[in-house]
PDB file of N, CA and C in Angstrom:
ATOM      1  N   UNK A   1       0.808  -1.207   0.000  1.00  0.00           N
ATOM      2  CA  UNK A   1       0.000   0.000   0.000  1.00  0.00           C
ATOM      3  C   UNK A   1       0.846   1.264   0.000  1.00  0.00           C
ATOM      4  N   UNK A   2       2.011   1.202   0.594  1.00  0.00           N
ATOM      5  CA  UNK A   2       2.854   2.388   0.640  1.00  0.00           C
ATOM      6  C   UNK A   2       3.190   2.886  -0.764  1.00  0.00           C
ATOM      7  N   UNK A   3       3.371   1.962  -1.682  1.00  0.00           N
ATOM      8  CA  UNK A   3       3.728   2.351  -3.040  1.00  0.00           C
ATOM      9  C   UNK A   3       2.545   2.924  -3.823  1.00  0.00           C
ATOM     10  N   UNK A   4       1.338   2.824  -3.267  1.00  0.00           N
ATOM     11  CA  UNK A   4       0.145   3.325  -3.943  1.00  0.00           C
ATOM     12  C   UNK A   4      -0.190   4.768  -3.577  1.00  0.00           C
ATOM     13  N   UNK A   5       0.710   5.491  -2.962  1.00  0.00           N
ATOM     14  CA  UNK A   5       0.358   6.813  -2.458  1.00  0.00           C
ATOM     15  C   UNK A   5       0.076   7.840  -3.545  1.00  0.00           C
ATOM     16  N   UNK A   6       0.266   7.490  -4.812  1.00  0.00           N
ATOM     17  CA  UNK A   6      -0.091   8.396  -5.900  1.00  0.00           C
ATOM     18  C   UNK A   6      -1.292   7.877  -6.700  1.00  0.00           C
ATOM     19  N   UNK A   7      -1.770   6.703  -6.350  1.00  0.00           N
ATOM     20  CA  UNK A   7      -2.857   6.071  -7.090  1.00  0.00           C
ATOM     21  C   UNK A   7      -4.189   6.347  -6.394  1.00  0.00           C
ATOM     22  N   UNK A   8      -5.071   7.147  -6.990  1.00  0.00           N
ATOM     23  CA  UNK A   8      -6.339   7.479  -6.334  1.00  0.00           C
ATOM     24  C   UNK A   8      -7.248   6.269  -6.122  1.00  0.00           C
ATOM     25  N   UNK A   9      -6.957   5.153  -6.773  1.00  0.00           N
ATOM     26  CA  UNK A   9      -7.762   3.934  -6.583  1.00  0.00           C
ATOM     27  C   UNK A   9      -7.256   3.095  -5.422  1.00  0.00           C
ATOM     28  N   UNK A  10      -6.155   3.512  -4.817  1.00  0.00           N
ATOM     29  CA  UNK A  10      -5.578   2.777  -3.698  1.00  0.00           C
ATOM     30  C   UNK A  10      -6.568   2.694  -2.538  1.00  0.00           C
ATOM     31  N   UNK A  11      -6.519   1.592  -1.823  1.00  0.00           N
ATOM     32  CA  UNK A  11      -7.405   1.382  -0.675  1.00  0.00           C
ATOM     33  C   UNK A  11      -7.248   2.487   0.374  1.00  0.00           C
ATOM     34  N   UNK A  12      -6.037   3.018   0.492  1.00  0.00           N
ATOM     35  CA  UNK A  12      -5.846   4.066   1.506  1.00  0.00           C
ATOM     36  C   UNK A  12      -6.694   5.311   1.219  1.00  0.00           C
ATOM     37  N   UNK A  13      -7.103   5.500  -0.040  1.00  0.00           N
ATOM     38  CA  UNK A  13      -7.956   6.632  -0.400  1.00  0.00           C
ATOM     39  C   UNK A  13      -9.423   6.256  -0.515  1.00  0.00           C
ATOM     40  N   UNK A  14      -9.710   5.028  -0.874  1.00  0.00           N
ATOM     41  CA  UNK A  14     -11.093   4.634  -1.141  1.00  0.00           C
ATOM     42  C   UNK A  14     -11.801   4.020   0.050  1.00  0.00           C
ATOM     43  N   UNK A  15     -11.076   3.502   1.028  1.00  0.00           N
ATOM     44  CA  UNK A  15     -11.698   2.886   2.203  1.00  0.00           C
ATOM     45  C   UNK A  15     -12.081   3.966   3.210  1.00  0.00           C
ATOM     46  N   UNK A  16     -13.358   4.289   3.263  1.00  0.00           N
ATOM     47  CA  UNK A  16     -13.813   5.375   4.144  1.00  0.00           C
ATOM     48  C   UNK A  16     -13.928   4.938   5.594  1.00  0.00           C
ATOM     49  N   UNK A  17     -13.631   3.676   5.905  1.00  0.00           N
ATOM     50  CA  UNK A  17     -13.716   3.204   7.289  1.00  0.00           C
ATOM     51  C   UNK A  17     -12.385   3.278   8.018  1.00  0.00           C
ATOM     52  N   UNK A  18     -11.322   3.698   7.352  1.00  0.00           N
ATOM     53  CA  UNK A  18     -10.027   3.740   8.014  1.00  0.00           C
ATOM     54  C   UNK A  18     -10.034   4.800   9.122  1.00  0.00           C
ATOM     55  N   UNK A  19      -9.457   4.472  10.279  1.00  0.00           N
ATOM     56  CA  UNK A  19      -9.517   5.366  11.433  1.00  0.00           C
ATOM     57  C   UNK A  19      -8.793   6.701  11.243  1.00  0.00           C
ATOM     58  N   UNK A  20      -7.798   6.756  10.375  1.00  0.00           N
ATOM     59  CA  UNK A  20      -7.024   7.998  10.245  1.00  0.00           C
ATOM     60  C   UNK A  20      -7.771   9.091   9.483  1.00  0.00           C
ATOM     61  N   UNK A  21      -8.863   8.764   8.804  1.00  0.00           N
ATOM     62  CA  UNK A  21      -9.553   9.736   7.939  1.00  0.00           C
ATOM     63  C   UNK A  21     -10.067  10.960   8.713  1.00  0.00           C
ATOM     64  N   UNK A  22     -10.601  10.754   9.900  1.00  0.00           N
ATOM     65  CA  UNK A  22     -11.138  11.883  10.672  1.00  0.00           C
ATOM     66  C   UNK A  22     -10.028  12.893  10.985  1.00  0.00           C
ATOM     67  N   UNK A  23      -8.873  12.384  11.418  1.00  0.00           N
ATOM     68  CA  UNK A  23      -7.755  13.274  11.719  1.00  0.00           C
ATOM     69  C   UNK A  23      -7.262  13.961  10.452  1.00  0.00           C
ATOM     70  N   UNK A  24      -7.159  13.229   9.358  1.00  0.00           N
ATOM     71  CA  UNK A  24      -6.715  13.834   8.105  1.00  0.00           C
ATOM     72  C   UNK A  24      -7.708  14.899   7.629  1.00  0.00           C
ATOM     73  N   UNK A  25      -8.990  14.683   7.863  1.00  0.00           N
ATOM     74  CA  UNK A  25      -9.973  15.706   7.476  1.00  0.00           C
ATOM     75  C   UNK A  25      -9.655  17.005   8.213  1.00  0.00           C
ATOM     76  N   UNK A  26      -9.358  16.907   9.489  1.00  0.00           N
ATOM     77  CA  UNK A  26      -9.044  18.105  10.264  1.00  0.00           C
ATOM     78  C   UNK A  26      -7.760  18.766   9.797  1.00  0.00           C
ATOM     79  N   UNK A  27      -6.704  17.995   9.560  1.00  0.00           N
ATOM     80  CA  UNK A  27      -5.451  18.626   9.154  1.00  0.00           C
ATOM     81  C   UNK A  27      -5.511  19.120   7.713  1.00  0.00           C
ATOM     82  N   UNK A  28      -6.342  18.494   6.895  1.00  0.00           N
ATOM     83  CA  UNK A  28      -6.468  18.933   5.498  1.00  0.00           C
ATOM     84  C   UNK A  28      -7.325  20.193   5.363  1.00  0.00           C
ATOM     85  N   UNK A  29      -8.326  20.334   6.209  1.00  0.00           N
ATOM     86  CA  UNK A  29      -9.265  21.446   6.051  1.00  0.00           C
ATOM     87  C   UNK A  29      -9.057  22.570   7.057  1.00  0.00           C
ATOM     88  N   UNK A  30      -8.523  22.260   8.236  1.00  0.00           N
ATOM     89  CA  UNK A  30      -8.471  23.261   9.294  1.00  0.00           C
ATOM     90  C   UNK A  30      -7.068  23.566   9.811  1.00  0.00           C
ATOM     91  N   UNK A  31      -6.390  22.573  10.365  1.00  0.00           N
ATOM     92  CA  UNK A  31      -5.199  22.822  11.167  1.00  0.00           C
ATOM     93  C   UNK A  31      -3.893  22.990  10.410  1.00  0.00           C
ATOM     94  N   UNK A  32      -3.699  22.230   9.363  1.00  0.00           N
ATOM     95  CA  UNK A  32      -2.396  22.166   8.680  1.00  0.00           C
ATOM     96  C   UNK A  32      -1.316  21.709   9.657  1.00  0.00           C
ATOM     97  N   UNK A  33      -1.695  20.896  10.614  1.00  0.00           N
ATOM     98  CA  UNK A  33      -0.742  20.392  11.608  1.00  0.00           C
ATOM     99  C   UNK A  33      -0.069  19.148  11.060  1.00  0.00           C
ATOM    100  N   UNK A  34       0.784  19.370  10.084  1.00  0.00           N
ATOM    101  CA  UNK A  34       1.447  18.278   9.388  1.00  0.00           C
ATOM    102  C   UNK A  34       2.758  17.972  10.082  1.00  0.00           C
ATOM    103  N   UNK A  35       2.969  16.712  10.387  1.00  0.00           N
ATOM    104  CA  UNK A  35       4.190  16.289  11.063  1.00  0.00           C
ATOM    105  C   UNK A  35       5.213  15.910   9.999  1.00  0.00           C
ATOM    106  N   UNK A  36       6.086  16.840   9.735  1.00  0.00           N
ATOM    107  CA  UNK A  36       7.041  16.704   8.642  1.00  0.00           C
ATOM    108  C   UNK A  36       8.434  16.364   9.162  1.00  0.00           C
ATOM    109  N   UNK A  37       9.271  15.901   8.257  1.00  0.00           N
ATOM    110  CA  UNK A  37      10.662  15.619   8.596  1.00  0.00           C
ATOM    111  C   UNK A  37      11.429  16.914   8.817  1.00  0.00           C
ATOM    112  N   UNK A  38      12.496  16.807   9.579  1.00  0.00           N
ATOM    113  CA  UNK A  38      13.330  17.972   9.873  1.00  0.00           C
ATOM    114  C   UNK A  38      14.064  18.435   8.616  1.00  0.00           C
ATOM    115  N   UNK A  39      14.516  19.686   8.599  1.00  0.00           N
ATOM    116  CA  UNK A  39      15.316  20.154   7.459  1.00  0.00           C
ATOM    117  C   UNK A  39      16.570  19.295   7.287  1.00  0.00           C
ATOM    118  N   UNK A  40      17.148  19.337   6.127  1.00  0.00           N
ATOM    119  CA  UNK A  40      18.283  18.485   5.766  1.00  0.00           C
ATOM    120  C   UNK A  40      19.479  18.669   6.714  1.00  0.00           C
ATOM    121  N   UNK A  41      19.642  19.832   7.283  1.00  0.00           N
ATOM    122  CA  UNK A  41      20.789  20.096   8.160  1.00  0.00           C
ATOM    123  C   UNK A  41      20.552  19.641   9.604  1.00  0.00           C
ATOM    124  N   UNK A  42      19.369  19.082   9.895  1.00  0.00           N
ATOM    125  CA  UNK A  42      19.061  18.592  11.240  1.00  0.00           C
ATOM    126  C   UNK A  42      18.802  17.096  11.199  1.00  0.00           C
ATOM    127  N   UNK A  43      19.181  16.355  12.233  1.00  0.00           N
ATOM    128  CA  UNK A  43      18.823  14.930  12.283  1.00  0.00           C
ATOM    129  C   UNK A  43      17.297  14.796  12.355  1.00  0.00           C
ATOM    130  N   UNK A  44      16.770  13.727  11.767  1.00  0.00           N
ATOM    131  CA  UNK A  44      15.315  13.558  11.744  1.00  0.00           C
ATOM    132  C   UNK A  44      14.947  12.095  11.877  1.00  0.00           C
ATOM    133  N   UNK A  45      14.004  11.806  12.753  1.00  0.00           N
ATOM    134  CA  UNK A  45      13.480  10.452  12.864  1.00  0.00           C
ATOM    135  C   UNK A  45      12.324  10.266  11.879  1.00  0.00           C
ATOM    136  N   UNK A  46      11.747  11.363  11.431  1.00  0.00           N
ATOM    137  CA  UNK A  46      10.645  11.348  10.464  1.00  0.00           C
ATOM    138  C   UNK A  46      11.235  11.512   9.063  1.00  0.00           C
ATOM    139  N   UNK A  47      10.733  10.759   8.128  1.00  0.00           N
ATOM    140  CA  UNK A  47      11.228  10.835   6.759  1.00  0.00           C
ATOM    141  C   UNK A  47      11.046  12.241   6.185  1.00  0.00           C
ATOM    142  N   UNK A  48      12.048  12.723   5.501  1.00  0.00           N
ATOM    143  CA  UNK A  48      11.956  14.033   4.854  1.00  0.00           C
ATOM    144  C   UNK A  48      11.023  14.004   3.642  1.00  0.00           C
ATOM    145  N   UNK A  49      10.616  12.810   3.238  1.00  0.00           N
ATOM    146  CA  UNK A  49       9.610  12.706   2.173  1.00  0.00           C
ATOM    147  C   UNK A  49       8.247  13.155   2.677  1.00  0.00           C
ATOM    148  N   UNK A  50       8.065  13.166   4.003  1.00  0.00           N
ATOM    149  CA  UNK A  50       6.828  13.691   4.580  1.00  0.00           C
ATOM    150  C   UNK A  50       6.985  15.200   4.741  1.00  0.00           C
ATOM    151  N   UNK A  51       6.677  15.906   3.698  1.00  0.00           N
ATOM    152  CA  UNK A  51       6.758  17.365   3.722  1.00  0.00           C
ATOM    153  C   UNK A  51       5.379  17.946   3.416  1.00  0.00           C
ATOM    154  N   UNK A  52       5.253  19.236   3.427  1.00  0.00           N
ATOM    155  CA  UNK A  52       3.929  19.839   3.213  1.00  0.00           C
ATOM    156  C   UNK A  52       3.367  19.493   1.841  1.00  0.00           C
ATOM    157  N   UNK A  53       4.219  19.384   0.837  1.00  0.00           N
ATOM    158  CA  UNK A  53       3.739  19.020  -0.502  1.00  0.00           C
ATOM    159  C   UNK A  53       3.120  17.621  -0.491  1.00  0.00           C
ATOM    160  N   UNK A  54       3.713  16.691   0.256  1.00  0.00           N
ATOM    161  CA  UNK A  54       3.159  15.333   0.337  1.00  0.00           C
ATOM    162  C   UNK A  54       1.765  15.373   0.941  1.00  0.00           C
ATOM    163  N   UNK A  55       1.618  16.093   2.062  1.00  0.00           N
ATOM    164  CA  UNK A  55       0.303  16.180   2.709  1.00  0.00           C
ATOM    165  C   UNK A  55      -0.710  16.875   1.805  1.00  0.00           C
ATOM    166  N   UNK A  56      -0.309  17.940   1.155  1.00  0.00           N
ATOM    167  CA  UNK A  56      -1.231  18.655   0.278  1.00  0.00           C
ATOM    168  C   UNK A  56      -1.660  17.787  -0.904  1.00  0.00           C
ATOM    169  N   UNK A  57      -0.841  16.849  -1.313  1.00  0.00           N
ATOM    170  CA  UNK A  57      -1.219  15.928  -2.382  1.00  0.00           C
ATOM    171  C   UNK A  57      -2.193  14.869  -1.861  1.00  0.00           C
ATOM    172  N   UNK A  58      -2.056  14.456  -0.610  1.00  0.00           N
ATOM    173  CA  UNK A  58      -2.923  13.417  -0.044  1.00  0.00           C
ATOM    174  C   UNK A  58      -4.360  13.907   0.157  1.00  0.00           C
ATOM    175  N   UNK A  59      -4.526  15.142   0.531  1.00  0.00           N
ATOM    176  CA  UNK A  59      -5.852  15.652   0.891  1.00  0.00           C
ATOM    177  C   UNK A  59      -6.884  15.514  -0.228  1.00  0.00           C
ATOM    178  N   UNK A  60      -6.618  16.004  -1.447  1.00  0.00           N
ATOM    179  CA  UNK A  60      -7.612  15.822  -2.505  1.00  0.00           C
ATOM    180  C   UNK A  60      -7.798  14.356  -2.912  1.00  0.00           C
ATOM    181  N   UNK A  61      -6.765  13.540  -2.760  1.00  0.00           N
ATOM    182  CA  UNK A  61      -6.910  12.123  -3.072  1.00  0.00           C
ATOM    183  C   UNK A  61      -7.829  11.438  -2.068  1.00  0.00           C
ATOM    184  N   UNK A  62      -7.773  11.863  -0.828  1.00  0.00           N
ATOM    185  CA  UNK A  62      -8.613  11.274   0.218  1.00  0.00           C
ATOM    186  C   UNK A  62     -10.063  11.741   0.141  1.00  0.00           C
ATOM    187  N   UNK A  63     -10.276  13.023  -0.132  1.00  0.00           N
ATOM    188  CA  UNK A  63     -11.611  13.596   0.016  1.00  0.00           C
ATOM    189  C   UNK A  63     -12.194  14.195  -1.256  1.00  0.00           C
ATOM    190  N   UNK A  64     -11.436  14.206  -2.318  1.00  0.00           N
ATOM    191  CA  UNK A  64     -11.896  14.825  -3.560  1.00  0.00           C
ATOM    192  C   UNK A  64     -11.356  16.238  -3.658  1.00  0.00           C
ATOM    193  N   UNK A  65     -10.952  16.623  -4.855  1.00  0.00           N
ATOM    194  CA  UNK A  65     -10.285  17.926  -4.998  1.00  0.00           C
ATOM    195  C   UNK A  65     -11.186  19.107  -4.696  1.00  0.00           C
ATOM    196  N   UNK A  66     -12.504  18.938  -4.791  1.00  0.00           N
ATOM    197  CA  UNK A  66     -13.410  20.060  -4.525  1.00  0.00           C
ATOM    198  C   UNK A  66     -13.941  20.047  -3.090  1.00  0.00           C
ATOM    199  N   UNK A  67     -13.598  19.011  -2.328  1.00  0.00           N
ATOM    200  CA  UNK A  67     -14.078  18.892  -0.953  1.00  0.00           C
ATOM    201  C   UNK A  67     -13.147  19.537   0.063  1.00  0.00           C
ATOM    202  N   UNK A  68     -11.917  19.788  -0.317  1.00  0.00           N
ATOM    203  CA  UNK A  68     -10.956  20.377   0.620  1.00  0.00           C
ATOM    204  C   UNK A  68     -10.412  21.673   0.024  1.00  0.00           C
ATOM    205  N   UNK A  69     -10.100  22.634   0.872  1.00  0.00           N
ATOM    206  CA  UNK A  69      -9.501  23.872   0.359  1.00  0.00           C
ATOM    207  C   UNK A  69      -8.086  23.618  -0.150  1.00  0.00           C
ATOM    208  N   UNK A  70      -7.580  24.506  -0.999  1.00  0.00           N
ATOM    209  CA  UNK A  70      -6.203  24.370  -1.478  1.00  0.00           C
ATOM    210  C   UNK A  70      -5.216  24.387  -0.329  1.00  0.00           C
ATOM    211  N   UNK A  71      -5.519  25.187   0.665  1.00  0.00           N
ATOM    212  CA  UNK A  71      -4.723  25.252   1.892  1.00  0.00           C
ATOM    213  C   UNK A  71      -5.685  25.242   3.068  1.00  0.00           C
ATOM    214  N   UNK A  72      -5.305  24.593   4.166  1.00  0.00           N
ATOM    215  CA  UNK A  72      -6.187  24.585   5.341  1.00  0.00           C
ATOM    216  C   UNK A  72      -6.519  26.010   5.798  1.00  0.00           C
ATOM    217  N   UNK A  73      -7.680  26.158   6.396  1.00  0.00           N
ATOM    218  CA  UNK A  73      -8.198  27.495   6.742  1.00  0.00           C
ATOM    219  C   UNK A  73      -7.848  27.902   8.173  1.00  0.00           C
ATOM    220  N   UNK A  74      -6.649  27.606   8.603  1.00  0.00           N
ATOM    221  CA  UNK A  74      -6.272  27.903   9.983  1.00  0.00           C
ATOM    222  C   UNK A  74      -6.328  29.388  10.296  1.00  0.00           C
ATOM    223  N   UNK A  75      -6.046  30.237   9.323  1.00  0.00           N
ATOM    224  CA  UNK A  75      -6.130  31.682   9.591  1.00  0.00           C
ATOM    225  C   UNK A  75      -7.566  32.093   9.921  1.00  0.00           C
ATOM    226  N   UNK A  76      -8.502  31.561   9.178  1.00  0.00           N
ATOM    227  CA  UNK A  76      -9.920  31.854   9.424  1.00  0.00           C
ATOM    228  C   UNK A  76     -10.352  31.344  10.802  1.00  0.00           C
ATOM    229  N   UNK A  77      -9.886  30.166  11.169  1.00  0.00           N
ATOM    230  CA  UNK A  77     -10.224  29.607  12.483  1.00  0.00           C
ATOM    231  C   UNK A  77      -9.617  30.458  13.593  1.00  0.00           C
ATOM    232  N   UNK A  78      -8.367  30.877  13.425  1.00  0.00           N
ATOM    233  CA  UNK A  78      -7.742  31.740  14.428  1.00  0.00           C
ATOM    234  C   UNK A  78      -8.509  33.049  14.572  1.00  0.00           C
ATOM    235  N   UNK A  79      -8.962  33.595  13.459  1.00  0.00           N
ATOM    236  CA  UNK A  79      -9.724  34.844  13.517  1.00  0.00           C
ATOM    237  C   UNK A  79     -11.060  34.626  14.221  1.00  0.00           C
ATOM    238  N   UNK A  80     -11.745  33.548  13.874  1.00  0.00           N
ATOM    239  CA  UNK A  80     -13.053  33.261  14.462  1.00  0.00           C
ATOM    240  C   UNK A  80     -12.967  33.026  15.972  1.00  0.00           C
ATOM    241  N   UNK A  81     -11.927  32.299  16.403  1.00  0.00           N
ATOM    242  CA  UNK A  81     -11.792  31.957  17.820  1.00  0.00           C
ATOM    243  C   UNK A  81     -10.754  32.810  18.538  1.00  0.00           C
ATOM    244  N   UNK A  82     -10.308  33.878  17.901  1.00  0.00           N
ATOM    245  CA  UNK A  82      -9.410  34.880  18.466  1.00  0.00           C
ATOM    246  C   UNK A  82      -7.996  34.365  18.735  1.00  0.00           C
ATOM    247  N   UNK A  83      -7.606  33.298  18.061  1.00  0.00           N
ATOM    248  CA  UNK A  83      -6.231  32.806  18.142  1.00  0.00           C
ATOM    249  C   UNK A  83      -5.708  32.714  19.556  1.00  0.00           C
ATOM    250  N   UNK A  84      -4.555  33.329  19.795  1.00  0.00           N
ATOM    251  CA  UNK A  84      -3.930  33.287  21.121  1.00  0.00           C
ATOM    252  C   UNK A  84      -4.655  34.153  22.132  1.00  0.00           C
ATOM    253  N   UNK A  85      -5.576  34.968  21.691  1.00  0.00           N
ATOM    254  CA  UNK A  85      -6.245  35.907  22.591  1.00  0.00           C
ATOM    255  C   UNK A  85      -7.658  35.474  22.934  1.00  0.00           C
ATOM    256  N   UNK A  86      -7.928  34.190  22.830  1.00  0.00           N
ATOM    257  CA  UNK A  86      -9.259  33.694  23.135  1.00  0.00           C
ATOM    258  C   UNK A  86      -9.600  33.944  24.598  1.00  0.00           C
ATOM    259  N   UNK A  87     -10.839  34.255  24.845  1.00  0.00           N
ATOM    260  CA  UNK A  87     -11.293  34.543  26.193  1.00  0.00           C
ATOM    261  C   UNK A  87     -12.591  33.782  26.436  1.00  0.00           C
ATOM    262  N   UNK A  88     -12.501  32.729  27.220  1.00  0.00           N
ATOM    263  CA  UNK A  88     -13.659  31.878  27.469  1.00  0.00           C
ATOM    264  C   UNK A  88     -13.893  31.753  28.961  1.00  0.00           C
ATOM    265  N   UNK A  89     -15.142  31.601  29.331  1.00  0.00           N
ATOM    266  CA  UNK A  89     -15.509  31.381  30.734  1.00  0.00           C
ATOM    267  C   UNK A  89     -15.741  29.894  30.971  1.00  0.00           C
ATOM    268  N   UNK A  90     -15.417  29.439  32.155  1.00  0.00           N
ATOM    269  CA  UNK A  90     -15.701  28.084  32.592  1.00  0.00           C
ATOM    270  C   UNK A  90     -15.068  27.024  31.689  1.00  0.00           C
ATOM    271  N   UNK A  91     -13.835  27.281  31.273  1.00  0.00           N
ATOM    272  CA  UNK A  91     -13.110  26.333  30.430  1.00  0.00           C
ATOM    273  C   UNK A  91     -11.804  25.973  31.128  1.00  0.00           C
ATOM    274  N   UNK A  92     -11.492  24.710  31.156  1.00  0.00           N
ATOM    275  CA  UNK A  92     -10.250  24.212  31.742  1.00  0.00           C
ATOM    276  C   UNK A  92      -9.466  23.511  30.653  1.00  0.00           C
ATOM    277  N   UNK A  93      -8.297  24.036  30.343  1.00  0.00           N
ATOM    278  CA  UNK A  93      -7.469  23.444  29.292  1.00  0.00           C
ATOM    279  C   UNK A  93      -6.608  22.357  29.907  1.00  0.00           C
ATOM    280  N   UNK A  94      -6.753  21.144  29.424  1.00  0.00           N
ATOM    281  CA  UNK A  94      -5.999  20.036  30.002  1.00  0.00           C
ATOM    282  C   UNK A  94      -4.981  19.504  28.994  1.00  0.00           C
ATOM    283  N   UNK A  95      -3.829  20.079  29.049  1.00  0.00           N
ATOM    284  CA  UNK A  95      -2.671  19.544  28.357  1.00  0.00           C
ATOM    285  C   UNK A  95      -1.468  19.975  29.169  1.00  0.00           C
ATOM    286  N   UNK A  96      -0.387  19.308  28.986  1.00  0.00           N
ATOM    287  CA  UNK A  96       0.779  19.600  29.800  1.00  0.00           C
ATOM    288  C   UNK A  96       2.017  19.800  28.980  1.00  0.00           C
ATOM    289  N   UNK A  97       3.106  20.004  29.673  1.00  0.00           N
ATOM    290  CA  UNK A  97       4.380  20.296  29.031  1.00  0.00           C
ATOM    291  C   UNK A  97       4.807  19.180  28.079  1.00  0.00           C
ATOM    292  N   UNK A  98       4.491  17.939  28.391  1.00  0.00           N
ATOM    293  CA  UNK A  98       4.942  16.815  27.572  1.00  0.00           C
ATOM    294  C   UNK A  98       3.844  16.279  26.656  1.00  0.00           C
ATOM    295  N   UNK A  99       2.732  16.958  26.564  1.00  0.00           N
ATOM    296  CA  UNK A  99       1.650  16.551  25.666  1.00  0.00           C
ATOM    297  C   UNK A  99       2.136  16.679  24.221  1.00  0.00           C
ATOM    298  N   UNK A 100       2.107  15.599  23.423  1.00  0.00           N
ATOM    299  CA  UNK A 100       2.622  15.687  22.056  1.00  0.00           C
ATOM    300  C   UNK A 100       1.819  16.634  21.164  1.00  0.00           C
ATOM    301  N   UNK A 101       0.612  16.962  21.542  1.00  0.00           N
ATOM    302  CA  UNK A 101      -0.218  17.873  20.736  1.00  0.00           C
ATOM    303  C   UNK A 101      -0.200  19.290  21.292  1.00  0.00           C
ATOM    304  N   UNK A 102       0.662  19.559  22.237  1.00  0.00           N
ATOM    305  CA  UNK A 102       0.708  20.866  22.876  1.00  0.00           C
ATOM    306  C   UNK A 102       0.906  22.018  21.894  1.00  0.00           C
ATOM    307  N   UNK A 103       1.714  21.818  20.859  1.00  0.00           N
ATOM    308  CA  UNK A 103       1.961  22.909  19.916  1.00  0.00           C
ATOM    309  C   UNK A 103       0.721  23.302  19.139  1.00  0.00           C
ATOM    310  N   UNK A 104      -0.305  22.467  19.169  1.00  0.00           N
ATOM    311  CA  UNK A 104      -1.557  22.772  18.498  1.00  0.00           C
ATOM    312  C   UNK A 104      -2.582  23.349  19.472  1.00  0.00           C
ATOM    313  N   UNK A 105      -2.191  23.535  20.717  1.00  0.00           N
ATOM    314  CA  UNK A 105      -3.165  23.945  21.741  1.00  0.00           C
ATOM    315  C   UNK A 105      -2.929  25.390  22.184  1.00  0.00           C
ATOM    316  N   UNK A 106      -3.842  25.878  22.981  1.00  0.00           N
ATOM    317  CA  UNK A 106      -3.713  27.239  23.505  1.00  0.00           C
ATOM    318  C   UNK A 106      -2.571  27.362  24.505  1.00  0.00           C
ATOM    319  N   UNK A 107      -2.038  26.246  24.967  1.00  0.00           N
ATOM    320  CA  UNK A 107      -0.955  26.267  25.945  1.00  0.00           C
ATOM    321  C   UNK A 107       0.426  26.499  25.324  1.00  0.00           C
ATOM    322  N   UNK A 108       0.541  26.384  23.998  1.00  0.00           N
ATOM    323  CA  UNK A 108       1.877  26.449  23.396  1.00  0.00           C
ATOM    324  C   UNK A 108       2.461  27.848  23.401  1.00  0.00           C
TER     325      UNK A 108
END
């Protein structure tokens, strides 16, 4: 299946029951929280083939080219929810220093 990443008929694109689809929908349409490899001058445990271009190619293959924006709408979401300046009542943010998703949260 790994070699099918350019084939729109691949099961990874056509099987709508795969668990990763919900997360990919969010990163393709909203967050752009793509976990990419480090630059060439830094050591990386993540493959450098996983770059923003790779993710941007996967999104239309997964959901259809007209179902996802060309780029995720994170700016619009930040504007709607006031980005770093959000002010909410009766909300408790539960993430910590070692939370792997911390950089995507209000705590970062």
